[in-house]
Amino acid sequence: MQSKLKLYGFNNLTKALSFNIYDVCYAKTEREQRDYIAYIDQQYNSERLTGILERVTEMIGAHVLHISKQDYDPQGASVTFLIAEEHMKPAALEPDTIVAHLDKSHVTVHTYPEYHPDTCLATFRVDIDVATCGEITPLSTLDYLIGSFDSDIITMDYRVRGFTRDIEGKKLFMDHHMTSIQDYIAPKTLDRYDAIDVNVYQSNLFHTRMLLKEVDLQNYLFNTDIYELPPKTRLKIHSDLRREMIEIFSGKNVY
């Protein structure tokens, strides 16, 4: 049997943030849809995503142990960081002794560009998961993550699992005050979105959804100028975009 790994400051209080965004675009032809997917695929390739995750790990004070990244054919990318919440600390022990701590977790990102076959709409989805142990909470990264992507719809889940103990041995199932994920997002950001919460406080489970309030049509047209379109066409595109966004936000087929 291998020698056991000596742990440093071990506890099993785990905090997990799941951050998902959707960006919707109108591309009127199949060629434009493919071009949009190619554009998004290049803009958010594994190199750029790695840079975003590196900033996230800096913000939560973590140390990167290993990076795995991959771009996919025909589209999409994934990046995974194995992280520790402190730098590995050497100890003046026997040469054969390995000293580390188990405050290790991960940060991952996956992208899913796709287009609708019938409505000329293309969607870009990003999933980011940040899991930490001990005192660090990943909620402080939310404003940075929202600002790193064009986010029409955002869904977030935050869950605290396990427990730790105080110095008297009392179990602690939550080590920080928590009412809503929205409390960790800047008011200026929240003003741009409609937001709802679904929280299960007794289970330390928090869920927030956000939908962009204003749709500036020009920002959603790929390789098309808004003034090239007749008013009725603009109205139809705006309606299609809003319907798509509402259904994604609702998590069901509304129309």
Foldseek 3Di string as FASTA:
>chain_A
DDDDAAADPDFFWKKKKKKKFKDKFFAPDPVLLLVVQVVVQVVDDFVVVVVLVVVLCVVQQKAFDDKDKDADPPGKIKIKTWIANYPADDDPDDPVHHYGHDQIDMKMKIKDWAADPPRRMIMIMMIIMDMTDDDGYSLLCVQVVPVVDVGQKMKMKMFIDGWDADPVRHTDSDDDDDDASVVNYDPVVLVQWDKDWDDDVVRRMIMMMTGGDDDDNCVRYRPDGPVVDDPVVSVVSVVVVVLVRVCVRVVHNDD
